[in-house]
Amino acid sequence: MSLRHHERIELLSYDDPDQWTQSIADEIGSLLKQEIQTRGQARLLLSGGTTPAPVYTALAEHPLDWSKLEVGLVDERWLSPQDSDSNAWLVKHSFLDHAEAATFTPLVRSGKQLPECVHTANLQATHTIPACVAVLGMGGDGHTASLFPGAADLPKALASQQPYAALDATGCPGANTWPLRITLTPAGLAGVQTRLLLVRGKQKLEVLQAALDGHDPVEYPIRVAIDQPGTRLRVHWCD
């Protein structure tokens, strides 16, 4: 089955990277505006990485009341939010520095150990409004968030009933030099109204096609995002 007409995802493809960036920013901005009008506030979950950074900067140019937005993270490396390799740092400098009135909730808190940070993240996620949008990425190994294939405790994270879990990705190439992570779980993703997957390059399309050929998230964790009930995963792709 063609990806463009696949029953499990909605694929939007672009010839121009600038159009890709602006279209995604416009979609997120529209969803946030609608949520703020309906609820009086909105919650947005963002991923790290260089791929979505231009989208975040473009999003910040939208004329929204950012004071009514709470921003959280899909996942985080076990690094200080002040570390330039952390997802918190990327989100701050690409988005929050331009949308200064927004409230940001990092996953890693200085002075707290990993289990404490996970516990705090779960308390906050449970006692705040559901996220209306989650921006996801996908690695060449098929991971999304910090759900890495081959991680020893991946099955535990996948089975967790909490929104966030700790994960040790030691030995997983996609984790690079940061094996300890805090990650959104399938249970955490289940409460999100709209899931957007941002991908660039033909190789990522091949990985996505392989993931769509089966259902086991241990093999391709991106299947967690694909197989959530409700609206289909919206995939924004540009070469």
Protein backbone atom coordinates (compact mmCIF):
# COMPACT_ATOMS: atom_id res chain seq x y z
CA MET A 1 0.00 0.00 0.00
CA SER A 2 1.29 3.47 -0.89
CA LEU A 3 2.28 5.61 2.08
CA ARG A 4 0.27 8.45 0.62
CA HIS A 5 -2.93 6.43 0.89
CA HIS A 6 -2.06 4.23 3.86
CA GLU A 7 -4.93 3.50 6.23
CA ARG A 8 -2.76 3.81 9.36
CA ILE A 9 -1.24 7.28 8.78
CA GLU A 10 -1.97 10.54 7.01
CA LEU A 11 1.05 11.58 4.94
CA LEU A 12 1.64 15.18 3.92
CA SER A 13 4.67 15.64 1.65
CA TYR A 14 6.40 18.83 0.57
CA ASP A 15 8.89 19.72 -2.17
CA ASP A 16 10.22 22.80 -0.37
CA PRO A 17 11.73 22.72 3.16
CA ASP A 18 10.50 26.24 3.92
CA GLN A 19 6.96 25.21 3.00
CA TRP A 20 7.34 22.12 5.20
CA THR A 21 8.41 24.30 8.12
CA GLN A 22 5.70 26.91 7.72
CA SER A 23 2.89 24.42 7.12
CA ILE A 24 3.67 22.52 10.31
CA ALA A 25 3.98 25.74 12.32
CA ASP A 26 0.65 26.93 10.92
CA GLU A 27 -1.06 23.65 11.81
CA ILE A 28 0.24 23.69 15.37
CA GLY A 29 -0.64 27.36 15.74
CA SER A 30 -4.20 26.71 14.53
CA LEU A 31 -4.65 23.79 16.92
CA LEU A 32 -3.34 25.82 19.86
CA LYS A 33 -5.60 28.76 18.99
CA GLN A 34 -8.63 26.47 18.89
CA GLU A 35 -7.68 24.83 22.19
CA ILE A 36 -7.18 28.18 23.92
CA GLN A 37 -10.54 29.40 22.65
CA THR A 38 -12.23 26.20 23.88
CA ARG A 39 -10.43 25.58 27.19
CA GLY A 40 -8.87 28.92 27.98
CA GLN A 41 -5.43 27.28 27.93
CA ALA A 42 -3.44 24.71 25.97
CA ARG A 43 -0.65 22.21 26.52
CA LEU A 44 1.94 21.31 23.89
CA LEU A 45 4.54 18.52 24.00
CA LEU A 46 7.72 19.05 21.98
CA SER A 47 10.61 16.81 20.92
CA GLY A 48 14.25 17.79 20.67
CA GLY A 49 16.57 17.45 17.70
CA THR A 50 17.59 19.73 14.88
CA THR A 51 14.73 18.68 12.58
CA PRO A 52 11.88 20.45 14.42
CA ALA A 53 13.83 23.52 15.62
CA PRO A 54 12.92 25.73 12.60
CA VAL A 55 9.27 24.77 13.08
CA TYR A 56 9.38 25.98 16.69
CA THR A 57 10.89 29.30 15.66
CA ALA A 58 8.22 29.77 12.99
CA LEU A 59 5.49 28.81 15.48
CA ALA A 60 6.64 31.52 17.89
CA GLU A 61 5.81 34.13 15.24
CA HIS A 62 2.10 33.31 15.47
CA PRO A 63 0.00 35.97 17.25
CA LEU A 64 -1.18 33.78 20.11
CA ASP A 65 -1.54 34.58 23.78
CA TRP A 66 1.46 32.56 24.87
CA SER A 67 0.66 33.14 28.54
CA LYS A 68 -2.09 30.55 28.10
CA LEU A 69 0.29 27.87 26.82
CA GLU A 70 2.07 25.21 28.86
CA VAL A 71 4.98 23.55 27.08
CA GLY A 72 6.29 20.12 28.06
CA LEU A 73 8.69 17.62 26.55
CA VAL A 74 8.11 14.31 24.82
CA ASP A 75 11.40 13.04 26.23
CA GLU A 76 14.70 14.17 27.66
CA ARG A 77 18.28 13.03 28.04
CA TRP A 78 19.55 12.76 31.60
CA LEU A 79 21.16 16.18 31.32
CA SER A 80 20.68 19.53 33.02
CA PRO A 81 18.20 21.80 31.20
CA GLN A 82 21.11 24.23 30.92
CA ASP A 83 23.18 21.70 28.96
CA SER A 84 23.27 22.59 25.25
CA ASP A 85 22.75 18.89 24.38
CA SER A 86 19.45 18.70 26.28
CA ASN A 87 16.06 18.89 24.63
CA ALA A 88 15.09 21.58 27.13
CA TRP A 89 17.91 23.80 25.88
CA LEU A 90 16.87 23.36 22.25
CA VAL A 91 13.21 24.11 22.97
CA LYS A 92 14.14 27.16 25.02
CA HIS A 93 16.37 28.72 22.39
CA SER A 94 14.29 27.82 19.33
CA PHE A 95 10.86 28.58 20.79
CA LEU A 96 10.58 29.83 24.35
CA ASP A 97 13.00 32.72 23.91
CA HIS A 98 10.56 34.02 21.27
CA ALA A 99 7.33 33.08 23.08
CA GLU A 100 8.47 34.26 26.49
CA ALA A 101 5.09 34.26 28.20
CA ALA A 102 4.63 30.49 27.78
CA THR A 103 5.12 28.25 30.81
CA PHE A 104 7.76 25.55 30.41
CA THR A 105 7.90 22.34 32.42
CA PRO A 106 11.24 20.52 32.00
CA LEU A 107 11.54 16.80 32.73
CA VAL A 108 14.93 17.00 34.45
CA ARG A 109 15.15 19.08 37.63
CA SER A 110 18.48 20.15 39.06
CA GLY A 111 19.30 18.45 42.35
CA LYS A 112 16.87 15.56 41.82
CA GLN A 113 17.73 11.99 40.93
CA LEU A 114 16.25 10.26 37.89
CA PRO A 115 13.45 8.39 39.77
CA GLU A 116 12.40 11.64 41.46
CA CYS A 117 12.26 13.46 38.13
CA VAL A 118 10.12 10.72 36.61
CA HIS A 119 7.80 10.78 39.64
CA THR A 120 7.44 14.57 39.40
CA ALA A 121 6.81 14.40 35.66
CA ASN A 122 4.05 11.85 36.19
CA LEU A 123 2.40 13.91 38.92
CA GLN A 124 2.41 17.00 36.73
CA ALA A 125 1.15 15.19 33.65
CA THR A 126 -1.66 13.60 35.64
CA HIS A 127 -2.82 16.84 37.25
CA THR A 128 -2.76 19.18 34.28
CA ILE A 129 -4.88 19.47 31.14
CA PRO A 130 -4.22 16.90 28.40
CA ALA A 131 -1.84 17.96 25.65
CA CYS A 132 -3.65 18.93 22.47
CA VAL A 133 -0.56 18.36 20.31
CA ALA A 134 2.56 16.21 20.55
CA VAL A 135 5.38 16.83 18.07
CA LEU A 136 7.27 13.59 17.48
CA GLY A 137 10.40 12.61 15.62
CA MET A 138 11.70 9.27 14.42
CA GLY A 139 15.23 7.91 14.27
CA GLY A 140 16.71 5.73 11.57
CA ASP A 141 16.23 2.78 13.94
CA GLY A 142 12.51 3.43 14.21
CA HIS A 143 12.60 4.93 17.70
CA THR A 144 10.34 7.77 18.74
CA ALA A 145 10.56 9.77 21.95
CA SER A 146 13.27 7.82 23.83
CA LEU A 147 11.74 4.42 23.15
CA PHE A 148 14.77 2.74 21.59
CA PRO A 149 14.60 -0.71 20.00
CA GLY A 150 16.94 -3.07 21.78
CA ALA A 151 16.83 -1.27 25.14
CA ALA A 152 16.63 -3.84 27.93
CA ASP A 153 13.79 -2.05 29.70
CA LEU A 154 11.84 -1.05 26.58
CA PRO A 155 9.08 -3.63 27.26
CA LYS A 156 8.65 -2.20 30.77
CA ALA A 157 8.33 1.34 29.41
CA LEU A 158 5.86 0.20 26.76
CA ALA A 159 3.72 -1.54 29.40
CA SER A 160 3.79 1.33 31.90
CA GLN A 161 0.47 2.86 32.88
CA GLN A 162 2.19 6.13 33.81
CA PRO A 163 2.67 8.99 31.31
CA TYR A 164 6.47 8.96 31.67
CA ALA A 165 9.09 6.33 32.40
CA ALA A 166 12.85 6.11 32.82
CA LEU A 167 14.71 4.17 30.16
CA ASP A 168 18.31 2.99 29.94
CA ALA A 169 19.30 2.73 26.28
CA THR A 170 22.84 1.51 26.91
CA GLY A 171 24.09 -0.26 23.79
CA CYS A 172 21.49 1.32 21.50
CA PRO A 173 23.28 3.22 18.69
CA GLY A 174 20.49 5.77 18.38
CA ALA A 175 21.00 6.94 21.96
CA ASN A 176 24.54 8.11 21.19
CA THR A 177 26.35 9.09 24.39
CA TRP A 178 23.20 9.72 26.44
CA PRO A 179 21.73 6.31 27.37
CA LEU A 180 19.72 7.45 30.40
CA ARG A 181 16.41 9.00 29.40
CA ILE A 182 12.97 10.08 30.55
CA THR A 183 10.39 9.26 27.91
CA LEU A 184 6.72 9.58 27.19
CA THR A 185 5.06 6.16 27.26
CA PRO A 186 2.22 4.80 25.13
CA ALA A 187 -0.07 5.59 28.07
CA GLY A 188 1.16 9.17 28.07
CA LEU A 189 0.73 9.52 24.33
CA ALA A 190 -2.79 8.09 24.48
CA GLY A 191 -4.18 11.25 26.03
CA VAL A 192 -2.86 13.55 23.29
CA GLN A 193 -5.45 14.72 20.79
CA THR A 194 -3.18 15.24 17.76
CA ARG A 195 0.12 13.47 17.04
CA LEU A 196 2.43 14.99 14.43
CA LEU A 197 5.47 13.12 13.13
CA LEU A 198 8.12 15.34 11.53
CA VAL A 199 10.52 13.54 9.20
CA ARG A 200 13.04 14.54 6.57
CA GLY A 201 14.79 12.43 3.91
CA LYS A 202 13.97 9.34 1.86
CA GLN A 203 15.65 7.00 4.33
CA LYS A 204 13.11 7.94 6.99
CA LEU A 205 10.28 7.09 4.62
CA GLU A 206 11.78 3.64 4.14
CA VAL A 207 11.91 3.15 7.91
CA LEU A 208 8.31 4.31 8.21
CA GLN A 209 7.25 1.88 5.48
CA ALA A 210 8.97 -0.98 7.32
CA ALA A 211 7.19 0.02 10.53
CA LEU A 212 3.84 0.06 8.74
CA ASP A 213 4.41 -3.52 7.61
CA GLY A 214 3.87 -4.80 11.17
CA HIS A 215 2.56 -3.95 14.64
CA ASP A 216 5.16 -4.98 17.26
CA PRO A 217 6.48 -1.78 18.95
CA VAL A 218 9.48 -3.64 20.35
CA GLU A 219 10.79 -3.95 16.79
CA TYR A 220 9.83 -0.43 15.67
CA PRO A 221 8.74 1.77 18.60
CA ILE A 222 7.31 4.36 16.20
CA ARG A 223 4.41 1.90 15.96
CA VAL A 224 3.34 3.25 19.36
CA ALA A 225 2.45 6.53 17.65
CA ILE A 226 1.02 4.85 14.56
CA ASP A 227 -1.32 2.51 16.42
CA GLN A 228 -2.81 4.88 18.98
CA PRO A 229 -6.61 4.90 18.85
CA GLY A 230 -8.38 7.98 17.58
CA THR A 231 -7.20 10.19 14.75
CA ARG A 232 -4.45 8.89 12.49
CA LEU A 233 -0.85 9.95 12.97
CA ARG A 234 -0.16 12.95 10.74
CA VAL A 235 3.23 12.61 9.06
CA HIS A 236 4.84 15.74 7.63
CA TRP A 237 7.65 14.72 5.26
CA CYS A 238 10.11 16.61 3.10
CA ASP A 239 13.23 15.28 1.39
